[in-house]
Amino acid sequence: LFLKPDFALENPEVFNAVLPWSQFTQARDTNARSSSKLLQEKLSHYLDIVEVQIARQISLRSDAFFTAMASHDELQEHLTMTCRAIRHLRYSAVIVEFSHVYEIKVI
């Protein structure tokens, strides 16, 4: 149901299929309004629970995230230093090659 391309909670049939306990109706009487208000409060409560759980999970994993970021930064520094060393080696190889080729031509 959730993976269908036409999934839309604003469709009353889909809404009732997802939340069968909601008894959502489109009637305009006072009872329907109070039912809708109660449903809204329930959903708001569930949303609060989800938000608290997400915040809890983030806080539990934040140390691991920041450790990974620090490791990433350290690896980036090592990679930068390695690239500089490779550039220097290539430059040195060109100088050595040029000096040997030039010396051979002179002899």
PDB file of N, CA and C in Angstrom:
ATOM      1  N   LEU A   1       0.827  -1.200   0.000  1.00  0.00           N
ATOM      2  CA  LEU A   1       0.000   0.000   0.000  1.00  0.00           C
ATOM      3  C   LEU A   1       0.867   1.258   0.000  1.00  0.00           C
ATOM      4  N   PHE A   2       1.881   1.291   0.868  1.00  0.00           N
ATOM      5  CA  PHE A   2       2.723   2.485   0.990  1.00  0.00           C
ATOM      6  C   PHE A   2       3.613   2.698  -0.232  1.00  0.00           C
ATOM      7  N   LEU A   3       3.926   1.628  -0.947  1.00  0.00           N
ATOM      8  CA  LEU A   3       4.830   1.739  -2.083  1.00  0.00           C
ATOM      9  C   LEU A   3       4.120   1.935  -3.416  1.00  0.00           C
ATOM     10  N   LYS A   4       2.814   1.974  -3.398  1.00  0.00           N
ATOM     11  CA  LYS A   4       2.069   2.188  -4.638  1.00  0.00           C
ATOM     12  C   LYS A   4       2.322   3.604  -5.150  1.00  0.00           C
ATOM     13  N   PRO A   5       2.438   3.758  -6.451  1.00  0.00           N
ATOM     14  CA  PRO A   5       2.704   5.100  -7.000  1.00  0.00           C
ATOM     15  C   PRO A   5       1.557   6.088  -6.772  1.00  0.00           C
ATOM     16  N   ASP A   6       0.347   5.582  -6.600  1.00  0.00           N
ATOM     17  CA  ASP A   6      -0.797   6.480  -6.391  1.00  0.00           C
ATOM     18  C   ASP A   6      -1.147   6.644  -4.909  1.00  0.00           C
ATOM     19  N   PHE A   7      -0.183   6.315  -4.011  1.00  0.00           N
ATOM     20  CA  PHE A   7      -0.409   6.456  -2.572  1.00  0.00           C
ATOM     21  C   PHE A   7      -0.584   7.930  -2.226  1.00  0.00           C
ATOM     22  N   ALA A   8      -1.704   8.256  -1.608  1.00  0.00           N
ATOM     23  CA  ALA A   8      -1.979   9.638  -1.194  1.00  0.00           C
ATOM     24  C   ALA A   8      -2.886   9.593   0.032  1.00  0.00           C
ATOM     25  N   LEU A   9      -2.388  10.083   1.149  1.00  0.00           N
ATOM     26  CA  LEU A   9      -3.174  10.053   2.379  1.00  0.00           C
ATOM     27  C   LEU A   9      -4.381  10.978   2.327  1.00  0.00           C
ATOM     28  N   GLU A  10      -4.375  11.942   1.413  1.00  0.00           N
ATOM     29  CA  GLU A  10      -5.534  12.831   1.332  1.00  0.00           C
ATOM     30  C   GLU A  10      -6.759  12.131   0.734  1.00  0.00           C
ATOM     31  N   ASN A  11      -6.537  10.984   0.109  1.00  0.00           N
ATOM     32  CA  ASN A  11      -7.634  10.177  -0.396  1.00  0.00           C
ATOM     33  C   ASN A  11      -8.266   9.462   0.803  1.00  0.00           C
ATOM     34  N   PRO A  12      -9.573   9.704   1.079  1.00  0.00           N
ATOM     35  CA  PRO A  12     -10.213   9.102   2.259  1.00  0.00           C
ATOM     36  C   PRO A  12     -10.133   7.582   2.298  1.00  0.00           C
ATOM     37  N   GLU A  13     -10.204   6.926   1.150  1.00  0.00           N
ATOM     38  CA  GLU A  13     -10.116   5.464   1.142  1.00  0.00           C
ATOM     39  C   GLU A  13      -8.733   4.993   1.585  1.00  0.00           C
ATOM     40  N   VAL A  14      -7.709   5.660   1.094  1.00  0.00           N
ATOM     41  CA  VAL A  14      -6.336   5.315   1.481  1.00  0.00           C
ATOM     42  C   VAL A  14      -6.122   5.629   2.959  1.00  0.00           C
ATOM     43  N   PHE A  15      -6.613   6.785   3.383  1.00  0.00           N
ATOM     44  CA  PHE A  15      -6.475   7.192   4.775  1.00  0.00           C
ATOM     45  C   PHE A  15      -7.116   6.159   5.700  1.00  0.00           C
ATOM     46  N   ASN A  16      -8.315   5.728   5.373  1.00  0.00           N
ATOM     47  CA  ASN A  16      -9.020   4.731   6.195  1.00  0.00           C
ATOM     48  C   ASN A  16      -8.333   3.367   6.141  1.00  0.00           C
ATOM     49  N   ALA A  17      -7.681   3.060   5.001  1.00  0.00           N
ATOM     50  CA  ALA A  17      -6.956   1.795   4.908  1.00  0.00           C
ATOM     51  C   ALA A  17      -5.700   1.834   5.785  1.00  0.00           C
ATOM     52  N   VAL A  18      -5.036   2.986   5.830  1.00  0.00           N
ATOM     53  CA  VAL A  18      -3.827   3.124   6.643  1.00  0.00           C
ATOM     54  C   VAL A  18      -4.177   3.229   8.118  1.00  0.00           C
ATOM     55  N   LEU A  19      -5.219   3.991   8.428  1.00  0.00           N
ATOM     56  CA  LEU A  19      -5.635   4.218   9.815  1.00  0.00           C
ATOM     57  C   LEU A  19      -7.076   3.755  10.000  1.00  0.00           C
ATOM     58  N   PRO A  20      -7.302   2.446  10.023  1.00  0.00           N
ATOM     59  CA  PRO A  20      -8.681   1.953  10.087  1.00  0.00           C
ATOM     60  C   PRO A  20      -9.402   2.347  11.377  1.00  0.00           C
ATOM     61  N   TRP A  21      -8.662   2.625  12.428  1.00  0.00           N
ATOM     62  CA  TRP A  21      -9.271   3.003  13.702  1.00  0.00           C
ATOM     63  C   TRP A  21      -9.731   4.453  13.705  1.00  0.00           C
ATOM     64  N   SER A  22      -9.397   5.204  12.646  1.00  0.00           N
ATOM     65  CA  SER A  22      -9.700   6.639  12.641  1.00  0.00           C
ATOM     66  C   SER A  22     -11.184   6.922  12.440  1.00  0.00           C
ATOM     67  N   GLN A  23     -11.871   6.070  11.705  1.00  0.00           N
ATOM     68  CA  GLN A  23     -13.292   6.261  11.397  1.00  0.00           C
ATOM     69  C   GLN A  23     -13.531   7.658  10.834  1.00  0.00           C
ATOM     70  N   PHE A  24     -12.669   8.044   9.906  1.00  0.00           N
ATOM     71  CA  PHE A  24     -12.751   9.369   9.302  1.00  0.00           C
ATOM     72  C   PHE A  24     -13.951   9.430   8.361  1.00  0.00           C
ATOM     73  N   THR A  25     -14.763  10.425   8.556  1.00  0.00           N
ATOM     74  CA  THR A  25     -15.921  10.620   7.670  1.00  0.00           C
ATOM     75  C   THR A  25     -15.892  12.039   7.151  1.00  0.00           C
ATOM     76  N   GLN A  26     -16.562  12.246   6.050  1.00  0.00           N
ATOM     77  CA  GLN A  26     -16.594  13.579   5.465  1.00  0.00           C
ATOM     78  C   GLN A  26     -17.888  14.306   5.802  1.00  0.00           C
ATOM     79  N   ALA A  27     -18.617  13.788   6.736  1.00  0.00           N
ATOM     80  CA  ALA A  27     -19.862  14.447   7.134  1.00  0.00           C
ATOM     81  C   ALA A  27     -19.551  15.777   7.798  1.00  0.00           C
ATOM     82  N   ARG A  28     -20.509  16.695   7.777  1.00  0.00           N
ATOM     83  CA  ARG A  28     -20.258  18.034   8.289  1.00  0.00           C
ATOM     84  C   ARG A  28     -20.963  18.279   9.624  1.00  0.00           C
ATOM     85  N   ASP A  29     -21.424  17.257  10.271  1.00  0.00           N
ATOM     86  CA  ASP A  29     -22.116  17.469  11.540  1.00  0.00           C
ATOM     87  C   ASP A  29     -21.125  17.648  12.688  1.00  0.00           C
ATOM     88  N   THR A  30     -21.632  18.008  13.838  1.00  0.00           N
ATOM     89  CA  THR A  30     -20.804  18.297  15.009  1.00  0.00           C
ATOM     90  C   THR A  30     -20.041  17.070  15.455  1.00  0.00           C
ATOM     91  N   ASN A  31     -20.662  15.921  15.391  1.00  0.00           N
ATOM     92  CA  ASN A  31     -20.012  14.682  15.803  1.00  0.00           C
ATOM     93  C   ASN A  31     -18.794  14.388  14.923  1.00  0.00           C
ATOM     94  N   ALA A  32     -18.941  14.625  13.627  1.00  0.00           N
ATOM     95  CA  ALA A  32     -17.830  14.385  12.705  1.00  0.00           C
ATOM     96  C   ALA A  32     -16.693  15.361  12.981  1.00  0.00           C
ATOM     97  N   ARG A  33     -17.034  16.609  13.304  1.00  0.00           N
ATOM     98  CA  ARG A  33     -15.994  17.604  13.608  1.00  0.00           C
ATOM     99  C   ARG A  33     -15.231  17.228  14.876  1.00  0.00           C
ATOM    100  N   SER A  34     -15.960  16.801  15.892  1.00  0.00           N
ATOM    101  CA  SER A  34     -15.277  16.410  17.132  1.00  0.00           C
ATOM    102  C   SER A  34     -14.441  15.154  16.905  1.00  0.00           C
ATOM    103  N   SER A  35     -14.930  14.258  16.050  1.00  0.00           N
ATOM    104  CA  SER A  35     -14.159  13.065  15.705  1.00  0.00           C
ATOM    105  C   SER A  35     -12.885  13.455  14.961  1.00  0.00           C
ATOM    106  N   SER A  36     -13.010  14.413  14.061  1.00  0.00           N
ATOM    107  CA  SER A  36     -11.839  14.883  13.321  1.00  0.00           C
ATOM    108  C   SER A  36     -10.844  15.565  14.250  1.00  0.00           C
ATOM    109  N   LYS A  37     -11.367  16.335  15.191  1.00  0.00           N
ATOM    110  CA  LYS A  37     -10.498  17.015  16.157  1.00  0.00           C
ATOM    111  C   LYS A  37      -9.761  15.985  17.020  1.00  0.00           C
ATOM    112  N   LEU A  38     -10.470  14.955  17.459  1.00  0.00           N
ATOM    113  CA  LEU A  38      -9.854  13.894  18.243  1.00  0.00           C
ATOM    114  C   LEU A  38      -8.778  13.171  17.423  1.00  0.00           C
ATOM    115  N   LEU A  39      -9.087  12.899  16.175  1.00  0.00           N
ATOM    116  CA  LEU A  39      -8.122  12.247  15.295  1.00  0.00           C
ATOM    117  C   LEU A  39      -6.882  13.124  15.126  1.00  0.00           C
ATOM    118  N   GLN A  40      -7.095  14.423  14.934  1.00  0.00           N
ATOM    119  CA  GLN A  40      -5.973  15.341  14.789  1.00  0.00           C
ATOM    120  C   GLN A  40      -5.103  15.340  16.043  1.00  0.00           C
ATOM    121  N   GLU A  41      -5.720  15.317  17.210  1.00  0.00           N
ATOM    122  CA  GLU A  41      -4.960  15.286  18.460  1.00  0.00           C
ATOM    123  C   GLU A  41      -4.183  13.981  18.600  1.00  0.00           C
ATOM    124  N   LYS A  42      -4.799  12.856  18.210  1.00  0.00           N
ATOM    125  CA  LYS A  42      -4.098  11.569  18.264  1.00  0.00           C
ATOM    126  C   LYS A  42      -2.891  11.577  17.332  1.00  0.00           C
ATOM    127  N   LEU A  43      -3.107  12.050  16.118  1.00  0.00           N
ATOM    128  CA  LEU A  43      -2.013  12.082  15.148  1.00  0.00           C
ATOM    129  C   LEU A  43      -0.905  13.031  15.601  1.00  0.00           C
ATOM    130  N   SER A  44      -1.281  14.138  16.203  1.00  0.00           N
ATOM    131  CA  SER A  44      -0.301  15.078  16.734  1.00  0.00           C
ATOM    132  C   SER A  44       0.514  14.420  17.846  1.00  0.00           C
ATOM    133  N   HIS A  45      -0.168  13.662  18.687  1.00  0.00           N
ATOM    134  CA  HIS A  45       0.516  12.936  19.764  1.00  0.00           C
ATOM    135  C   HIS A  45       1.500  11.927  19.185  1.00  0.00           C
ATOM    136  N   TYR A  46       1.087  11.170  18.172  1.00  0.00           N
ATOM    137  CA  TYR A  46       1.971  10.195  17.547  1.00  0.00           C
ATOM    138  C   TYR A  46       3.152  10.882  16.862  1.00  0.00           C
ATOM    139  N   LEU A  47       2.892  12.026  16.257  1.00  0.00           N
ATOM    140  CA  LEU A  47       3.970  12.787  15.636  1.00  0.00           C
ATOM    141  C   LEU A  47       4.987  13.228  16.683  1.00  0.00           C
ATOM    142  N   ASP A  48       4.508  13.670  17.842  1.00  0.00           N
ATOM    143  CA  ASP A  48       5.409  14.052  18.932  1.00  0.00           C
ATOM    144  C   ASP A  48       6.264  12.869  19.365  1.00  0.00           C
ATOM    145  N   ILE A  49       5.668  11.696  19.449  1.00  0.00           N
ATOM    146  CA  ILE A  49       6.413  10.491  19.828  1.00  0.00           C
ATOM    147  C   ILE A  49       7.496  10.191  18.793  1.00  0.00           C
ATOM    148  N   VAL A  50       7.143  10.295  17.529  1.00  0.00           N
ATOM    149  CA  VAL A  50       8.112  10.036  16.459  1.00  0.00           C
ATOM    150  C   VAL A  50       9.255  11.055  16.522  1.00  0.00           C
ATOM    151  N   GLU A  51       8.929  12.331  16.721  1.00  0.00           N
ATOM    152  CA  GLU A  51       9.959  13.365  16.806  1.00  0.00           C
ATOM    153  C   GLU A  51      10.903  13.121  17.973  1.00  0.00           C
ATOM    154  N   VAL A  52      10.366  12.723  19.116  1.00  0.00           N
ATOM    155  CA  VAL A  52      11.204  12.433  20.282  1.00  0.00           C
ATOM    156  C   VAL A  52      12.112  11.248  19.985  1.00  0.00           C
ATOM    157  N   GLN A  53      11.577  10.224  19.346  1.00  0.00           N
ATOM    158  CA  GLN A  53      12.389   9.047  19.020  1.00  0.00           C
ATOM    159  C   GLN A  53      13.485   9.391  18.011  1.00  0.00           C
ATOM    160  N   ILE A  54      13.167  10.210  17.032  1.00  0.00           N
ATOM    161  CA  ILE A  54      14.177  10.629  16.058  1.00  0.00           C
ATOM    162  C   ILE A  54      15.283  11.416  16.757  1.00  0.00           C
ATOM    163  N   ALA A  55      14.907  12.358  17.617  1.00  0.00           N
ATOM    164  CA  ALA A  55      15.902  13.144  18.352  1.00  0.00           C
ATOM    165  C   ALA A  55      16.765  12.231  19.224  1.00  0.00           C
ATOM    166  N   ARG A  56      16.151  11.235  19.838  1.00  0.00           N
ATOM    167  CA  ARG A  56      16.891  10.295  20.690  1.00  0.00           C
ATOM    168  C   ARG A  56      17.887   9.493  19.863  1.00  0.00           C
ATOM    169  N   GLN A  57      17.432   8.994  18.723  1.00  0.00           N
ATOM    170  CA  GLN A  57      18.314   8.208  17.859  1.00  0.00           C
ATOM    171  C   GLN A  57      19.472   9.056  17.335  1.00  0.00           C
ATOM    172  N   ILE A  58      19.194  10.296  16.993  1.00  0.00           N
ATOM    173  CA  ILE A  58      20.255  11.192  16.516  1.00  0.00           C
ATOM    174  C   ILE A  58      21.266  11.442  17.628  1.00  0.00           C
ATOM    175  N   SER A  59      20.771  11.684  18.840  1.00  0.00           N
ATOM    176  CA  SER A  59      21.698  11.944  19.946  1.00  0.00           C
ATOM    177  C   SER A  59      22.530  10.711  20.272  1.00  0.00           C
ATOM    178  N   LEU A  60      21.947   9.519  20.133  1.00  0.00           N
ATOM    179  CA  LEU A  60      22.699   8.290  20.399  1.00  0.00           C
ATOM    180  C   LEU A  60      23.806   8.081  19.368  1.00  0.00           C
ATOM    181  N   ARG A  61      23.559   8.534  18.153  1.00  0.00           N
ATOM    182  CA  ARG A  61      24.514   8.289  17.078  1.00  0.00           C
ATOM    183  C   ARG A  61      25.363   9.516  16.726  1.00  0.00           C
ATOM    184  N   SER A  62      25.142  10.614  17.417  1.00  0.00           N
ATOM    185  CA  SER A  62      25.876  11.828  17.065  1.00  0.00           C
ATOM    186  C   SER A  62      27.369  11.677  17.313  1.00  0.00           C
ATOM    187  N   ASP A  63      27.753  10.976  18.392  1.00  0.00           N
ATOM    188  CA  ASP A  63      29.182  10.767  18.642  1.00  0.00           C
ATOM    189  C   ASP A  63      29.822   9.994  17.497  1.00  0.00           C
ATOM    190  N   ALA A  64      29.146   8.958  17.053  1.00  0.00           N
ATOM    191  CA  ALA A  64      29.669   8.167  15.937  1.00  0.00           C
ATOM    192  C   ALA A  64      29.750   9.021  14.670  1.00  0.00           C
ATOM    193  N   PHE A  65      28.762   9.870  14.465  1.00  0.00           N
ATOM    194  CA  PHE A  65      28.767  10.732  13.287  1.00  0.00           C
ATOM    195  C   PHE A  65      29.951  11.690  13.325  1.00  0.00           C
ATOM    196  N   PHE A  66      30.161  12.335  14.483  1.00  0.00           N
ATOM    197  CA  PHE A  66      31.255  13.292  14.567  1.00  0.00           C
ATOM    198  C   PHE A  66      32.617  12.600  14.516  1.00  0.00           C
ATOM    199  N   THR A  67      32.695  11.374  15.039  1.00  0.00           N
ATOM    200  CA  THR A  67      33.931  10.598  14.916  1.00  0.00           C
ATOM    201  C   THR A  67      34.206  10.282  13.448  1.00  0.00           C
ATOM    202  N   ALA A  68      33.168   9.898  12.731  1.00  0.00           N
ATOM    203  CA  ALA A  68      33.319   9.616  11.302  1.00  0.00           C
ATOM    204  C   ALA A  68      33.723  10.875  10.540  1.00  0.00           C
ATOM    205  N   MET A  69      33.139  12.002  10.901  1.00  0.00           N
ATOM    206  CA  MET A  69      33.507  13.256  10.237  1.00  0.00           C
ATOM    207  C   MET A  69      34.965  13.606  10.517  1.00  0.00           C
ATOM    208  N   ALA A  70      35.416  13.417  11.751  1.00  0.00           N
ATOM    209  CA  ALA A  70      36.818  13.695  12.091  1.00  0.00           C
ATOM    210  C   ALA A  70      37.741  12.766  11.312  1.00  0.00           C
ATOM    211  N   SER A  71      37.366  11.497  11.210  1.00  0.00           N
ATOM    212  CA  SER A  71      38.165  10.545  10.436  1.00  0.00           C
ATOM    213  C   SER A  71      38.197  10.949   8.969  1.00  0.00           C
ATOM    214  N   HIS A  72      37.068  11.397   8.468  1.00  0.00           N
ATOM    215  CA  HIS A  72      36.987  11.848   7.081  1.00  0.00           C
ATOM    216  C   HIS A  72      37.926  13.029   6.862  1.00  0.00           C
ATOM    217  N   ASP A  73      37.913  13.989   7.787  1.00  0.00           N
ATOM    218  CA  ASP A  73      38.785  15.155   7.665  1.00  0.00           C
ATOM    219  C   ASP A  73      40.255  14.746   7.718  1.00  0.00           C
ATOM    220  N   GLU A  74      40.576  13.806   8.597  1.00  0.00           N
ATOM    221  CA  GLU A  74      41.957  13.325   8.710  1.00  0.00           C
ATOM    222  C   GLU A  74      42.385  12.618   7.426  1.00  0.00           C
ATOM    223  N   LEU A  75      41.501  11.790   6.882  1.00  0.00           N
ATOM    224  CA  LEU A  75      41.808  11.120   5.621  1.00  0.00           C
ATOM    225  C   LEU A  75      41.986  12.129   4.491  1.00  0.00           C
ATOM    226  N   GLN A  76      41.167  13.172   4.497  1.00  0.00           N
ATOM    227  CA  GLN A  76      41.277  14.218   3.475  1.00  0.00           C
ATOM    228  C   GLN A  76      42.639  14.908   3.566  1.00  0.00           C
ATOM    229  N   GLU A  77      43.111  15.178   4.792  1.00  0.00           N
ATOM    230  CA  GLU A  77      44.432  15.782   4.974  1.00  0.00           C
ATOM    231  C   GLU A  77      45.532  14.863   4.454  1.00  0.00           C
ATOM    232  N   HIS A  78      45.440  13.569   4.786  1.00  0.00           N
ATOM    233  CA  HIS A  78      46.444  12.614   4.307  1.00  0.00           C
ATOM    234  C   HIS A  78      46.424  12.529   2.783  1.00  0.00           C
ATOM    235  N   LEU A  79      45.253  12.552   2.205  1.00  0.00           N
ATOM    236  CA  LEU A  79      45.135  12.503   0.750  1.00  0.00           C
ATOM    237  C   LEU A  79      45.760  13.742   0.115  1.00  0.00           C
ATOM    238  N   THR A  80      45.533  14.899   0.701  1.00  0.00           N
ATOM    239  CA  THR A  80      46.120  16.140   0.196  1.00  0.00           C
ATOM    240  C   THR A  80      47.644  16.078   0.278  1.00  0.00           C
ATOM    241  N   MET A  81      48.158  15.605   1.411  1.00  0.00           N
ATOM    242  CA  MET A  81      49.615  15.488   1.564  1.00  0.00           C
ATOM    243  C   MET A  81      50.190  14.475   0.570  1.00  0.00           C
ATOM    244  N   THR A  82      49.478  13.378   0.335  1.00  0.00           N
ATOM    245  CA  THR A  82      49.926  12.366  -0.616  1.00  0.00           C
ATOM    246  C   THR A  82      49.953  12.930  -2.030  1.00  0.00           C
ATOM    247  N   CYS A  83      48.933  13.708  -2.375  1.00  0.00           N
ATOM    248  CA  CYS A  83      48.905  14.331  -3.707  1.00  0.00           C
ATOM    249  C   CYS A  83      50.073  15.298  -3.885  1.00  0.00           C
ATOM    250  N   ARG A  84      50.380  16.064  -2.851  1.00  0.00           N
ATOM    251  CA  ARG A  84      51.544  16.970  -2.914  1.00  0.00           C
ATOM    252  C   ARG A  84      52.836  16.182  -3.102  1.00  0.00           C
ATOM    253  N   ALA A  85      52.971  15.074  -2.356  1.00  0.00           N
ATOM    254  CA  ALA A  85      54.181  14.253  -2.460  1.00  0.00           C
ATOM    255  C   ALA A  85      54.303  13.662  -3.858  1.00  0.00           C
ATOM    256  N   ILE A  86      53.200  13.227  -4.428  1.00  0.00           N
ATOM    257  CA  ILE A  86      53.223  12.665  -5.786  1.00  0.00           C
ATOM    258  C   ILE A  86      53.625  13.741  -6.783  1.00  0.00           C
ATOM    259  N   ARG A  87      53.061  14.943  -6.620  1.00  0.00           N
ATOM    260  CA  ARG A  87      53.431  16.056  -7.502  1.00  0.00           C
ATOM    261  C   ARG A  87      54.929  16.345  -7.408  1.00  0.00           C
ATOM    262  N   HIS A  88      55.447  16.347  -6.187  1.00  0.00           N
ATOM    263  CA  HIS A  88      56.867  16.606  -5.985  1.00  0.00           C
ATOM    264  C   HIS A  88      57.717  15.504  -6.619  1.00  0.00           C
ATOM    265  N   LEU A  89      57.326  14.239  -6.442  1.00  0.00           N
ATOM    266  CA  LEU A  89      58.056  13.121  -7.045  1.00  0.00           C
ATOM    267  C   LEU A  89      58.047  13.197  -8.564  1.00  0.00           C
ATOM    268  N   ARG A  90      56.890  13.559  -9.130  1.00  0.00           N
ATOM    269  CA  ARG A  90      56.816  13.692 -10.595  1.00  0.00           C
ATOM    270  C   ARG A  90      57.739  14.804 -11.082  1.00  0.00           C
ATOM    271  N   TYR A  91      57.728  15.903 -10.353  1.00  0.00           N
ATOM    272  CA  TYR A  91      58.591  17.024 -10.713  1.00  0.00           C
ATOM    273  C   TYR A  91      60.062  16.601 -10.617  1.00  0.00           C
ATOM    274  N   SER A  92      60.408  15.884  -9.523  1.00  0.00           N
ATOM    275  CA  SER A  92      61.786  15.409  -9.355  1.00  0.00           C
ATOM    276  C   SER A  92      62.166  14.430 -10.458  1.00  0.00           C
ATOM    277  N   ALA A  93      61.237  13.567 -10.849  1.00  0.00           N
ATOM    278  CA  ALA A  93      61.504  12.600 -11.910  1.00  0.00           C
ATOM    279  C   ALA A  93      61.750  13.313 -13.233  1.00  0.00           C
ATOM    280  N   VAL A  94      61.008  14.368 -13.496  1.00  0.00           N
ATOM    281  CA  VAL A  94      61.205  15.142 -14.723  1.00  0.00           C
ATOM    282  C   VAL A  94      62.582  15.802 -14.703  1.00  0.00           C
ATOM    283  N   ILE A  95      62.970  16.337 -13.556  1.00  0.00           N
ATOM    284  CA  ILE A  95      64.285  16.986 -13.448  1.00  0.00           C
ATOM    285  C   ILE A  95      65.399  15.963 -13.650  1.00  0.00           C
ATOM    286  N   VAL A  96      65.267  14.796 -13.001  1.00  0.00           N
ATOM    287  CA  VAL A  96      66.287  13.754 -13.150  1.00  0.00           C
ATOM    288  C   VAL A  96      66.347  13.284 -14.593  1.00  0.00           C
ATOM    289  N   GLU A  97      65.200  13.045 -15.174  1.00  0.00           N
ATOM    290  CA  GLU A  97      65.157  12.588 -16.567  1.00  0.00           C
ATOM    291  C   GLU A  97      65.771  13.638 -17.484  1.00  0.00           C
ATOM    292  N   PHE A  98      65.417  14.891 -17.288  1.00  0.00           N
ATOM    293  CA  PHE A  98      65.944  15.959 -18.130  1.00  0.00           C
ATOM    294  C   PHE A  98      67.455  16.062 -17.975  1.00  0.00           C
ATOM    295  N   SER A  99      67.937  15.976 -16.722  1.00  0.00           N
ATOM    296  CA  SER A  99      69.376  16.104 -16.502  1.00  0.00           C
ATOM    297  C   SER A  99      70.137  14.932 -17.118  1.00  0.00           C
ATOM    298  N   HIS A 100      69.617  13.727 -17.044  1.00  0.00           N
ATOM    299  CA  HIS A 100      70.291  12.576 -17.644  1.00  0.00           C
ATOM    300  C   HIS A 100      70.244  12.646 -19.163  1.00  0.00           C
ATOM    301  N   VAL A 101      69.104  13.012 -19.720  1.00  0.00           N
ATOM    302  CA  VAL A 101      68.979  13.121 -21.169  1.00  0.00           C
ATOM    303  C   VAL A 101      69.870  14.254 -21.665  1.00  0.00           C
ATOM    304  N   TYR A 102      69.918  15.336 -20.960  1.00  0.00           N
ATOM    305  CA  TYR A 102      70.738  16.476 -21.358  1.00  0.00           C
ATOM    306  C   TYR A 102      72.214  16.120 -21.271  1.00  0.00           C
ATOM    307  N   GLU A 103      72.624  15.385 -20.194  1.00  0.00           N
ATOM    308  CA  GLU A 103      74.023  14.980 -20.045  1.00  0.00           C
ATOM    309  C   GLU A 103      74.428  14.014 -21.165  1.00  0.00           C
ATOM    310  N   ILE A 104      73.527  13.111 -21.546  1.00  0.00           N
ATOM    311  CA  ILE A 104      73.847  12.151 -22.613  1.00  0.00           C
ATOM    312  C   ILE A 104      74.016  12.895 -23.921  1.00  0.00           C
ATOM    313  N   LYS A 105      73.173  13.876 -24.197  1.00  0.00           N
ATOM    314  CA  LYS A 105      73.287  14.632 -25.445  1.00  0.00           C
ATOM    315  C   LYS A 105      74.571  15.450 -25.466  1.00  0.00           C
ATOM    316  N   VAL A 106      74.991  15.926 -24.316  1.00  0.00           N
ATOM    317  CA  VAL A 106      76.206  16.727 -24.254  1.00  0.00           C
ATOM    318  C   VAL A 106      77.424  15.853 -24.504  1.00  0.00           C
ATOM    319  N   ILE A 107      77.403  14.620 -24.001  1.00  0.00           N
ATOM    320  CA  ILE A 107      78.548  13.711 -24.175  1.00  0.00           C
ATOM    321  C   ILE A 107      78.540  13.247 -25.587  1.00  0.00           C
TER     322      ILE A 107
END
